[in-house]
């Protein structure tokens, strides 16, 4: 039950990332974005993934609980995509300012 609640938390928290990535892609600007926030979330997901991989009890039952790690990795990928778009948009902001 604890893993299901953890997945609910991760899915709820990560539900906005695809929309956020699309917004970053379409708007082509860093206005309204915080690089430090994105980095903090990104490293938090890395810590979550590593904690799962180092948890012997979780890894012993990985075959039946793989979905928990899946959602951590999915959110990590979404935040990573948003970080890449931030870099692109930062460059575009600099070009537009010139």
PDB file of N, CA and C in Angstrom:
ATOM      1  N   UNK A   1       0.824  -1.200   0.000  1.00  0.00           N
ATOM      2  CA  UNK A   1       0.000   0.000   0.000  1.00  0.00           C
ATOM      3  C   UNK A   1       0.864   1.257   0.000  1.00  0.00           C
ATOM      4  N   UNK A   2       1.989   1.217   0.714  1.00  0.00           N
ATOM      5  CA  UNK A   2       2.857   2.392   0.777  1.00  0.00           C
ATOM      6  C   UNK A   2       3.384   2.766  -0.603  1.00  0.00           C
ATOM      7  N   UNK A   3       3.699   1.766  -1.420  1.00  0.00           N
ATOM      8  CA  UNK A   3       4.212   2.043  -2.764  1.00  0.00           C
ATOM      9  C   UNK A   3       3.146   2.677  -3.636  1.00  0.00           C
ATOM     10  N   UNK A   4       1.905   2.224  -3.489  1.00  0.00           N
ATOM     11  CA  UNK A   4       0.810   2.803  -4.276  1.00  0.00           C
ATOM     12  C   UNK A   4       0.603   4.263  -3.901  1.00  0.00           C
ATOM     13  N   UNK A   5       0.647   4.558  -2.609  1.00  0.00           N
ATOM     14  CA  UNK A   5       0.521   5.949  -2.171  1.00  0.00           C
ATOM     15  C   UNK A   5       1.690   6.792  -2.665  1.00  0.00           C
ATOM     16  N   UNK A   6       2.869   6.197  -2.702  1.00  0.00           N
ATOM     17  CA  UNK A   6       4.037   6.907  -3.222  1.00  0.00           C
ATOM     18  C   UNK A   6       3.855   7.200  -4.707  1.00  0.00           C
ATOM     19  N   UNK A   7       3.330   6.251  -5.453  1.00  0.00           N
ATOM     20  CA  UNK A   7       3.076   6.473  -6.881  1.00  0.00           C
ATOM     21  C   UNK A   7       2.025   7.571  -7.059  1.00  0.00           C
ATOM     22  N   UNK A   8       0.981   7.557  -6.254  1.00  0.00           N
ATOM     23  CA  UNK A   8      -0.035   8.608  -6.329  1.00  0.00           C
ATOM     24  C   UNK A   8       0.605   9.972  -6.099  1.00  0.00           C
ATOM     25  N   UNK A   9       1.495  10.055  -5.118  1.00  0.00           N
ATOM     26  CA  UNK A   9       2.181  11.316  -4.842  1.00  0.00           C
ATOM     27  C   UNK A   9       3.042  11.734  -6.024  1.00  0.00           C
ATOM     28  N   UNK A  10       3.814  10.801  -6.564  1.00  0.00           N
ATOM     29  CA  UNK A  10       4.709  11.112  -7.678  1.00  0.00           C
ATOM     30  C   UNK A  10       3.920  11.493  -8.919  1.00  0.00           C
ATOM     31  N   UNK A  11       2.849  10.770  -9.221  1.00  0.00           N
ATOM     32  CA  UNK A  11       2.025  11.081 -10.392  1.00  0.00           C
ATOM     33  C   UNK A  11       1.351  12.436 -10.211  1.00  0.00           C
ATOM     34  N   UNK A  12       0.831  12.697  -9.030  1.00  0.00           N
ATOM     35  CA  UNK A  12       0.198  13.993  -8.768  1.00  0.00           C
ATOM     36  C   UNK A  12       1.194  15.130  -8.908  1.00  0.00           C
ATOM     37  N   UNK A  13       2.369  14.933  -8.349  1.00  0.00           N
ATOM     38  CA  UNK A  13       3.390  15.969  -8.415  1.00  0.00           C
ATOM     39  C   UNK A  13       3.880  16.159  -9.838  1.00  0.00           C
ATOM     40  N   UNK A  14       4.003  15.056 -10.570  1.00  0.00           N
ATOM     41  CA  UNK A  14       4.561  15.123 -11.919  1.00  0.00           C
ATOM     42  C   UNK A  14       3.562  15.376 -13.019  1.00  0.00           C
ATOM     43  N   UNK A  15       2.275  15.440 -12.705  1.00  0.00           N
ATOM     44  CA  UNK A  15       1.261  15.614 -13.745  1.00  0.00           C
ATOM     45  C   UNK A  15       1.422  16.923 -14.505  1.00  0.00           C
ATOM     46  N   UNK A  16       1.984  17.913 -13.868  1.00  0.00           N
ATOM     47  CA  UNK A  16       2.117  19.215 -14.530  1.00  0.00           C
ATOM     48  C   UNK A  16       3.350  19.313 -15.428  1.00  0.00           C
ATOM     49  N   UNK A  17       4.298  18.405 -15.313  1.00  0.00           N
ATOM     50  CA  UNK A  17       5.536  18.540 -16.087  1.00  0.00           C
ATOM     51  C   UNK A  17       5.332  18.494 -17.598  1.00  0.00           C
ATOM     52  N   UNK A  18       4.510  17.592 -18.143  1.00  0.00           N
ATOM     53  CA  UNK A  18       4.336  17.622 -19.601  1.00  0.00           C
ATOM     54  C   UNK A  18       3.768  18.957 -20.087  1.00  0.00           C
ATOM     55  N   UNK A  19       2.835  19.523 -19.335  1.00  0.00           N
ATOM     56  CA  UNK A  19       2.279  20.829 -19.706  1.00  0.00           C
ATOM     57  C   UNK A  19       3.335  21.918 -19.600  1.00  0.00           C
ATOM     58  N   UNK A  20       4.148  21.824 -18.574  1.00  0.00           N
ATOM     59  CA  UNK A  20       5.219  22.795 -18.377  1.00  0.00           C
ATOM     60  C   UNK A  20       6.247  22.730 -19.508  1.00  0.00           C
ATOM     61  N   UNK A  21       6.573  21.512 -19.940  1.00  0.00           N
ATOM     62  CA  UNK A  21       7.522  21.334 -21.042  1.00  0.00           C
ATOM     63  C   UNK A  21       6.936  21.908 -22.329  1.00  0.00           C
ATOM     64  N   UNK A  22       5.662  21.639 -22.602  1.00  0.00           N
ATOM     65  CA  UNK A  22       5.033  22.186 -23.811  1.00  0.00           C
ATOM     66  C   UNK A  22       5.004  23.708 -23.779  1.00  0.00           C
ATOM     67  N   UNK A  23       4.717  24.275 -22.615  1.00  0.00           N
ATOM     68  CA  UNK A  23       4.695  25.726 -22.471  1.00  0.00           C
ATOM     69  C   UNK A  23       6.081  26.308 -22.730  1.00  0.00           C
ATOM     70  N   UNK A  24       7.113  25.692 -22.180  1.00  0.00           N
ATOM     71  CA  UNK A  24       8.486  26.164 -22.407  1.00  0.00           C
ATOM     72  C   UNK A  24       8.846  26.097 -23.888  1.00  0.00           C
ATOM     73  N   UNK A  25       8.424  25.028 -24.547  1.00  0.00           N
ATOM     74  CA  UNK A  25       8.727  24.853 -25.966  1.00  0.00           C
ATOM     75  C   UNK A  25       8.034  25.914 -26.819  1.00  0.00           C
ATOM     76  N   UNK A  26       6.767  26.181 -26.534  1.00  0.00           N
ATOM     77  CA  UNK A  26       5.993  27.121 -27.342  1.00  0.00           C
ATOM     78  C   UNK A  26       6.358  28.568 -27.070  1.00  0.00           C
ATOM     79  N   UNK A  27       6.578  28.933 -25.818  1.00  0.00           N
ATOM     80  CA  UNK A  27       6.795  30.337 -25.459  1.00  0.00           C
ATOM     81  C   UNK A  27       8.189  30.832 -25.801  1.00  0.00           C
ATOM     82  N   UNK A  28       9.162  29.940 -25.857  1.00  0.00           N
ATOM     83  CA  UNK A  28      10.512  30.277 -26.268  1.00  0.00           C
ATOM     84  C   UNK A  28      11.134  31.416 -25.438  1.00  0.00           C
ATOM     85  N   UNK A  29      10.882  31.396 -24.146  1.00  0.00           N
ATOM     86  CA  UNK A  29      11.460  32.390 -23.237  1.00  0.00           C
ATOM     87  C   UNK A  29      11.636  31.768 -21.852  1.00  0.00           C
ATOM     88  N   UNK A  30      12.552  32.329 -21.085  1.00  0.00           N
ATOM     89  CA  UNK A  30      12.761  31.867 -19.708  1.00  0.00           C
ATOM     90  C   UNK A  30      11.961  32.691 -18.712  1.00  0.00           C
ATOM     91  N   UNK A  31      11.228  33.678 -19.187  1.00  0.00           N
ATOM     92  CA  UNK A  31      10.433  34.515 -18.279  1.00  0.00           C
ATOM     93  C   UNK A  31       9.435  33.645 -17.528  1.00  0.00           C
ATOM     94  N   UNK A  32       9.408  33.831 -16.225  1.00  0.00           N
ATOM     95  CA  UNK A  32       8.526  33.048 -15.380  1.00  0.00           C
ATOM     96  C   UNK A  32       9.107  31.716 -14.942  1.00  0.00           C
ATOM     97  N   UNK A  33      10.339  31.435 -15.330  1.00  0.00           N
ATOM     98  CA  UNK A  33      11.005  30.185 -14.963  1.00  0.00           C
ATOM     99  C   UNK A  33      12.101  30.468 -13.944  1.00  0.00           C
ATOM    100  N   UNK A  34      12.379  29.478 -13.120  1.00  0.00           N
ATOM    101  CA  UNK A  34      13.457  29.578 -12.146  1.00  0.00           C
ATOM    102  C   UNK A  34      14.424  28.415 -12.370  1.00  0.00           C
ATOM    103  N   UNK A  35      15.628  28.740 -12.796  1.00  0.00           N
ATOM    104  CA  UNK A  35      16.630  27.706 -13.019  1.00  0.00           C
ATOM    105  C   UNK A  35      16.965  26.982 -11.721  1.00  0.00           C
ATOM    106  N   UNK A  36      17.069  27.717 -10.629  1.00  0.00           N
ATOM    107  CA  UNK A  36      17.402  27.070  -9.351  1.00  0.00           C
ATOM    108  C   UNK A  36      16.287  26.114  -8.924  1.00  0.00           C
ATOM    109  N   UNK A  37      15.038  26.456  -9.156  1.00  0.00           N
ATOM    110  CA  UNK A  37      13.923  25.573  -8.836  1.00  0.00           C
ATOM    111  C   UNK A  37      13.995  24.303  -9.671  1.00  0.00           C
ATOM    112  N   UNK A  38      14.204  24.454 -10.993  1.00  0.00           N
ATOM    113  CA  UNK A  38      14.299  23.290 -11.869  1.00  0.00           C
ATOM    114  C   UNK A  38      15.450  22.372 -11.456  1.00  0.00           C
ATOM    115  N   UNK A  39      16.589  22.962 -11.133  1.00  0.00           N
ATOM    116  CA  UNK A  39      17.749  22.159 -10.714  1.00  0.00           C
ATOM    117  C   UNK A  39      17.472  21.436  -9.400  1.00  0.00           C
ATOM    118  N   UNK A  40      16.821  22.112  -8.473  1.00  0.00           N
ATOM    119  CA  UNK A  40      16.494  21.496  -7.186  1.00  0.00           C
ATOM    120  C   UNK A  40      15.559  20.305  -7.372  1.00  0.00           C
ATOM    121  N   UNK A  41      14.551  20.460  -8.194  1.00  0.00           N
ATOM    122  CA  UNK A  41      13.622  19.361  -8.465  1.00  0.00           C
ATOM    123  C   UNK A  41      14.338  18.220  -9.183  1.00  0.00           C
ATOM    124  N   UNK A  42      15.183  18.558 -10.165  1.00  0.00           N
ATOM    125  CA  UNK A  42      15.926  17.563 -10.929  1.00  0.00           C
ATOM    126  C   UNK A  42      16.798  16.714 -10.003  1.00  0.00           C
ATOM    127  N   UNK A  43      17.551  17.373  -9.135  1.00  0.00           N
ATOM    128  CA  UNK A  43      18.415  16.637  -8.216  1.00  0.00           C
ATOM    129  C   UNK A  43      17.606  15.873  -7.166  1.00  0.00           C
ATOM    130  N   UNK A  44      16.433  16.375  -6.814  1.00  0.00           N
ATOM    131  CA  UNK A  44      15.547  15.632  -5.913  1.00  0.00           C
ATOM    132  C   UNK A  44      15.096  14.325  -6.530  1.00  0.00           C
ATOM    133  N   UNK A  45      14.757  14.353  -7.816  1.00  0.00           N
ATOM    134  CA  UNK A  45      14.369  13.113  -8.487  1.00  0.00           C
ATOM    135  C   UNK A  45      15.557  12.160  -8.622  1.00  0.00           C
ATOM    136  N   UNK A  46      16.731  12.694  -8.869  1.00  0.00           N
ATOM    137  CA  UNK A  46      17.923  11.838  -8.910  1.00  0.00           C
ATOM    138  C   UNK A  46      18.108  11.151  -7.559  1.00  0.00           C
ATOM    139  N   UNK A  47      17.945  11.907  -6.488  1.00  0.00           N
ATOM    140  CA  UNK A  47      18.065  11.323  -5.145  1.00  0.00           C
ATOM    141  C   UNK A  47      16.994  10.262  -4.917  1.00  0.00           C
ATOM    142  N   UNK A  48      15.784  10.498  -5.399  1.00  0.00           N
ATOM    143  CA  UNK A  48      14.713   9.516  -5.260  1.00  0.00           C
ATOM    144  C   UNK A  48      15.026   8.227  -5.993  1.00  0.00           C
ATOM    145  N   UNK A  49      15.546   8.357  -7.222  1.00  0.00           N
ATOM    146  CA  UNK A  49      15.911   7.169  -8.003  1.00  0.00           C
ATOM    147  C   UNK A  49      17.023   6.398  -7.296  1.00  0.00           C
ATOM    148  N   UNK A  50      18.054   7.111  -6.864  1.00  0.00           N
ATOM    149  CA  UNK A  50      19.177   6.448  -6.178  1.00  0.00           C
ATOM    150  C   UNK A  50      18.700   5.778  -4.889  1.00  0.00           C
ATOM    151  N   UNK A  51      17.797   6.442  -4.159  1.00  0.00           N
ATOM    152  CA  UNK A  51      17.306   5.836  -2.912  1.00  0.00           C
ATOM    153  C   UNK A  51      16.579   4.530  -3.182  1.00  0.00           C
ATOM    154  N   UNK A  52      15.832   4.474  -4.281  1.00  0.00           N
ATOM    155  CA  UNK A  52      15.152   3.219  -4.634  1.00  0.00           C
ATOM    156  C   UNK A  52      16.171   2.144  -5.002  1.00  0.00           C
ATOM    157  N   UNK A  53      17.177   2.518  -5.774  1.00  0.00           N
ATOM    158  CA  UNK A  53      18.173   1.541  -6.201  1.00  0.00           C
ATOM    159  C   UNK A  53      19.011   1.011  -5.041  1.00  0.00           C
ATOM    160  N   UNK A  54      19.200   1.811  -4.012  1.00  0.00           N
ATOM    161  CA  UNK A  54      19.989   1.401  -2.845  1.00  0.00           C
ATOM    162  C   UNK A  54      19.162   0.713  -1.766  1.00  0.00           C
ATOM    163  N   UNK A  55      17.849   0.715  -1.915  1.00  0.00           N
ATOM    164  CA  UNK A  55      16.963   0.114  -0.927  1.00  0.00           C
ATOM    165  C   UNK A  55      16.852  -1.387  -1.193  1.00  0.00           C
ATOM    166  N   UNK A  56      17.485  -2.186  -0.350  1.00  0.00           N
ATOM    167  CA  UNK A  56      17.511  -3.640  -0.542  1.00  0.00           C
ATOM    168  C   UNK A  56      16.111  -4.251  -0.553  1.00  0.00           C
ATOM    169  N   UNK A  57      15.240  -3.775   0.314  1.00  0.00           N
ATOM    170  CA  UNK A  57      13.880  -4.326   0.370  1.00  0.00           C
ATOM    171  C   UNK A  57      13.134  -4.032  -0.930  1.00  0.00           C
ATOM    172  N   UNK A  58      13.297  -2.824  -1.447  1.00  0.00           N
ATOM    173  CA  UNK A  58      12.636  -2.466  -2.715  1.00  0.00           C
ATOM    174  C   UNK A  58      13.204  -3.292  -3.860  1.00  0.00           C
ATOM    175  N   UNK A  59      14.510  -3.397  -3.922  1.00  0.00           N
ATOM    176  CA  UNK A  59      15.136  -4.127  -5.030  1.00  0.00           C
ATOM    177  C   UNK A  59      14.809  -5.623  -4.976  1.00  0.00           C
ATOM    178  N   UNK A  60      14.601  -6.164  -3.780  1.00  0.00           N
ATOM    179  CA  UNK A  60      14.239  -7.573  -3.657  1.00  0.00           C
ATOM    180  C   UNK A  60      12.861  -7.855  -4.246  1.00  0.00           C
ATOM    181  N   UNK A  61      12.005  -6.839  -4.225  1.00  0.00           N
ATOM    182  CA  UNK A  61      10.656  -7.011  -4.780  1.00  0.00           C
ATOM    183  C   UNK A  61      10.469  -6.175  -6.048  1.00  0.00           C
ATOM    184  N   UNK A  62      11.553  -5.862  -6.720  1.00  0.00           N
ATOM    185  CA  UNK A  62      11.507  -4.984  -7.898  1.00  0.00           C
ATOM    186  C   UNK A  62      10.574  -5.512  -8.991  1.00  0.00           C
ATOM    187  N   UNK A  63      10.536  -6.819  -9.195  1.00  0.00           N
ATOM    188  CA  UNK A  63       9.709  -7.400 -10.258  1.00  0.00           C
ATOM    189  C   UNK A  63       8.236  -7.035 -10.096  1.00  0.00           C
ATOM    190  N   UNK A  64       7.789  -6.876  -8.868  1.00  0.00           N
ATOM    191  CA  UNK A  64       6.381  -6.526  -8.648  1.00  0.00           C
ATOM    192  C   UNK A  64       6.165  -5.054  -8.313  1.00  0.00           C
ATOM    193  N   UNK A  65       7.253  -4.304  -8.124  1.00  0.00           N
ATOM    194  CA  UNK A  65       7.117  -2.894  -7.742  1.00  0.00           C
ATOM    195  C   UNK A  65       7.914  -1.962  -8.653  1.00  0.00           C
ATOM    196  N   UNK A  66       8.188  -2.394  -9.865  1.00  0.00           N
ATOM    197  CA  UNK A  66       8.971  -1.604 -10.821  1.00  0.00           C
ATOM    198  C   UNK A  66       8.314  -0.271 -11.139  1.00  0.00           C
ATOM    199  N   UNK A  67       6.989  -0.219 -11.061  1.00  0.00           N
ATOM    200  CA  UNK A  67       6.238   0.975 -11.450  1.00  0.00           C
ATOM    201  C   UNK A  67       6.580   2.200 -10.608  1.00  0.00           C
ATOM    202  N   UNK A  68       6.985   1.990  -9.364  1.00  0.00           N
ATOM    203  CA  UNK A  68       7.362   3.132  -8.511  1.00  0.00           C
ATOM    204  C   UNK A  68       8.577   3.834  -9.100  1.00  0.00           C
ATOM    205  N   UNK A  69       9.609   3.072  -9.421  1.00  0.00           N
ATOM    206  CA  UNK A  69      10.817   3.637 -10.010  1.00  0.00           C
ATOM    207  C   UNK A  69      10.516   4.241 -11.380  1.00  0.00           C
ATOM    208  N   UNK A  70       9.621   3.626 -12.136  1.00  0.00           N
ATOM    209  CA  UNK A  70       9.247   4.124 -13.455  1.00  0.00           C
ATOM    210  C   UNK A  70       8.768   5.571 -13.380  1.00  0.00           C
ATOM    211  N   UNK A  71       7.912   5.876 -12.415  1.00  0.00           N
ATOM    212  CA  UNK A  71       7.385   7.233 -12.314  1.00  0.00           C
ATOM    213  C   UNK A  71       8.439   8.234 -11.852  1.00  0.00           C
ATOM    214  N   UNK A  72       9.361   7.802 -11.014  1.00  0.00           N
ATOM    215  CA  UNK A  72      10.481   8.674 -10.649  1.00  0.00           C
ATOM    216  C   UNK A  72      11.297   9.023 -11.898  1.00  0.00           C
ATOM    217  N   UNK A  73      11.610   8.014 -12.695  1.00  0.00           N
ATOM    218  CA  UNK A  73      12.417   8.228 -13.896  1.00  0.00           C
ATOM    219  C   UNK A  73      11.654   9.065 -14.916  1.00  0.00           C
ATOM    220  N   UNK A  74      10.365   8.807 -15.074  1.00  0.00           N
ATOM    221  CA  UNK A  74       9.551   9.596 -16.008  1.00  0.00           C
ATOM    222  C   UNK A  74       9.562  11.077 -15.630  1.00  0.00           C
ATOM    223  N   UNK A  75       9.368  11.368 -14.360  1.00  0.00           N
ATOM    224  CA  UNK A  75       9.410  12.759 -13.909  1.00  0.00           C
ATOM    225  C   UNK A  75      10.801  13.357 -14.079  1.00  0.00           C
ATOM    226  N   UNK A  76      11.825  12.568 -13.818  1.00  0.00           N
ATOM    227  CA  UNK A  76      13.201  13.031 -14.018  1.00  0.00           C
ATOM    228  C   UNK A  76      13.428  13.412 -15.476  1.00  0.00           C
ATOM    229  N   UNK A  77      12.925  12.615 -16.399  1.00  0.00           N
ATOM    230  CA  UNK A  77      13.069  12.913 -17.822  1.00  0.00           C
ATOM    231  C   UNK A  77      12.324  14.201 -18.185  1.00  0.00           C
ATOM    232  N   UNK A  78      11.144  14.385 -17.650  1.00  0.00           N
ATOM    233  CA  UNK A  78      10.369  15.598 -17.937  1.00  0.00           C
ATOM    234  C   UNK A  78      11.077  16.850 -17.413  1.00  0.00           C
ATOM    235  N   UNK A  79      11.588  16.775 -16.208  1.00  0.00           N
ATOM    236  CA  UNK A  79      12.303  17.927 -15.656  1.00  0.00           C
ATOM    237  C   UNK A  79      13.589  18.159 -16.449  1.00  0.00           C
ATOM    238  N   UNK A  80      14.261  17.097 -16.866  1.00  0.00           N
ATOM    239  CA  UNK A  80      15.456  17.226 -17.697  1.00  0.00           C
ATOM    240  C   UNK A  80      15.141  17.886 -19.021  1.00  0.00           C
ATOM    241  N   UNK A  81      14.010  17.528 -19.626  1.00  0.00           N
ATOM    242  CA  UNK A  81      13.586  18.163 -20.879  1.00  0.00           C
ATOM    243  C   UNK A  81      13.325  19.638 -20.655  1.00  0.00           C
ATOM    244  N   UNK A  82      12.696  19.968 -19.536  1.00  0.00           N
ATOM    245  CA  UNK A  82      12.434  21.382 -19.240  1.00  0.00           C
ATOM    246  C   UNK A  82      13.737  22.143 -19.004  1.00  0.00           C
ATOM    247  N   UNK A  83      14.721  21.493 -18.403  1.00  0.00           N
ATOM    248  CA  UNK A  83      16.031  22.126 -18.222  1.00  0.00           C
ATOM    249  C   UNK A  83      16.701  22.387 -19.578  1.00  0.00           C
ATOM    250  N   UNK A  84      16.596  21.443 -20.489  1.00  0.00           N
ATOM    251  CA  UNK A  84      17.154  21.642 -21.834  1.00  0.00           C
ATOM    252  C   UNK A  84      16.460  22.786 -22.546  1.00  0.00           C
ATOM    253  N   UNK A  85      15.154  22.839 -22.411  1.00  0.00           N
ATOM    254  CA  UNK A  85      14.405  23.946 -23.021  1.00  0.00           C
ATOM    255  C   UNK A  85      14.753  25.275 -22.363  1.00  0.00           C
ATOM    256  N   UNK A  86      15.020  25.251 -21.074  1.00  0.00           N
ATOM    257  CA  UNK A  86      15.453  26.474 -20.397  1.00  0.00           C
ATOM    258  C   UNK A  86      16.743  26.992 -21.027  1.00  0.00           C
ATOM    259  N   UNK A  87      17.689  26.087 -21.280  1.00  0.00           N
ATOM    260  CA  UNK A  87      18.960  26.486 -21.899  1.00  0.00           C
ATOM    261  C   UNK A  87      18.713  27.062 -23.289  1.00  0.00           C
ATOM    262  N   UNK A  88      17.858  26.398 -24.071  1.00  0.00           N
ATOM    263  CA  UNK A  88      17.527  26.904 -25.405  1.00  0.00           C
ATOM    264  C   UNK A  88      16.863  28.276 -25.314  1.00  0.00           C
ATOM    265  N   UNK A  89      15.907  28.397 -24.424  1.00  0.00           N
ATOM    266  CA  UNK A  89      15.173  29.654 -24.300  1.00  0.00           C
ATOM    267  C   UNK A  89      16.041  30.781 -23.752  1.00  0.00           C
ATOM    268  N   UNK A  90      16.984  30.449 -22.908  1.00  0.00           N
ATOM    269  CA  UNK A  90      17.927  31.457 -22.403  1.00  0.00           C
ATOM    270  C   UNK A  90      18.737  32.028 -23.560  1.00  0.00           C
ATOM    271  N   UNK A  91      19.184  31.142 -24.425  1.00  0.00           N
ATOM    272  CA  UNK A  91      19.936  31.578 -25.601  1.00  0.00           C
ATOM    273  C   UNK A  91      19.057  32.447 -26.505  1.00  0.00           C
ATOM    274  N   UNK A  92      17.811  32.043 -26.695  1.00  0.00           N
ATOM    275  CA  UNK A  92      16.890  32.837 -27.514  1.00  0.00           C
ATOM    276  C   UNK A  92      16.611  34.196 -26.880  1.00  0.00           C
ATOM    277  N   UNK A  93      16.481  34.235 -25.566  1.00  0.00           N
ATOM    278  CA  UNK A  93      16.275  35.512 -24.872  1.00  0.00           C
ATOM    279  C   UNK A  93      17.457  36.448 -25.091  1.00  0.00           C
ATOM    280  N   UNK A  94      18.685  35.903 -25.020  1.00  0.00           N
ATOM    281  CA  UNK A  94      19.871  36.723 -25.247  1.00  0.00           C
ATOM    282  C   UNK A  94      19.914  37.246 -26.680  1.00  0.00           C
ATOM    283  N   UNK A  95      19.578  36.387 -27.647  1.00  0.00           N
ATOM    284  CA  UNK A  95      19.567  36.805 -29.051  1.00  0.00           C
ATOM    285  C   UNK A  95      18.519  37.884 -29.297  1.00  0.00           C
ATOM    286  N   UNK A  96      17.350  37.749 -28.689  1.00  0.00           N
ATOM    287  CA  UNK A  96      16.280  38.721 -28.875  1.00  0.00           C
ATOM    288  C   UNK A  96      16.607  40.049 -28.202  1.00  0.00           C
ATOM    289  N   UNK A  97      17.418  40.017 -27.147  1.00  0.00           N
ATOM    290  CA  UNK A  97      17.791  41.244 -26.446  1.00  0.00           C
ATOM    291  C   UNK A  97      18.798  42.076 -27.246  1.00  0.00           C
ATOM    292  N   UNK A  98      19.494  41.438 -28.149  1.00  0.00           N
ATOM    293  CA  UNK A  98      20.525  42.142 -28.918  1.00  0.00           C
ATOM    294  C   UNK A  98      19.968  42.908 -30.078  1.00  0.00           C
TER     295      UNK A  98
END
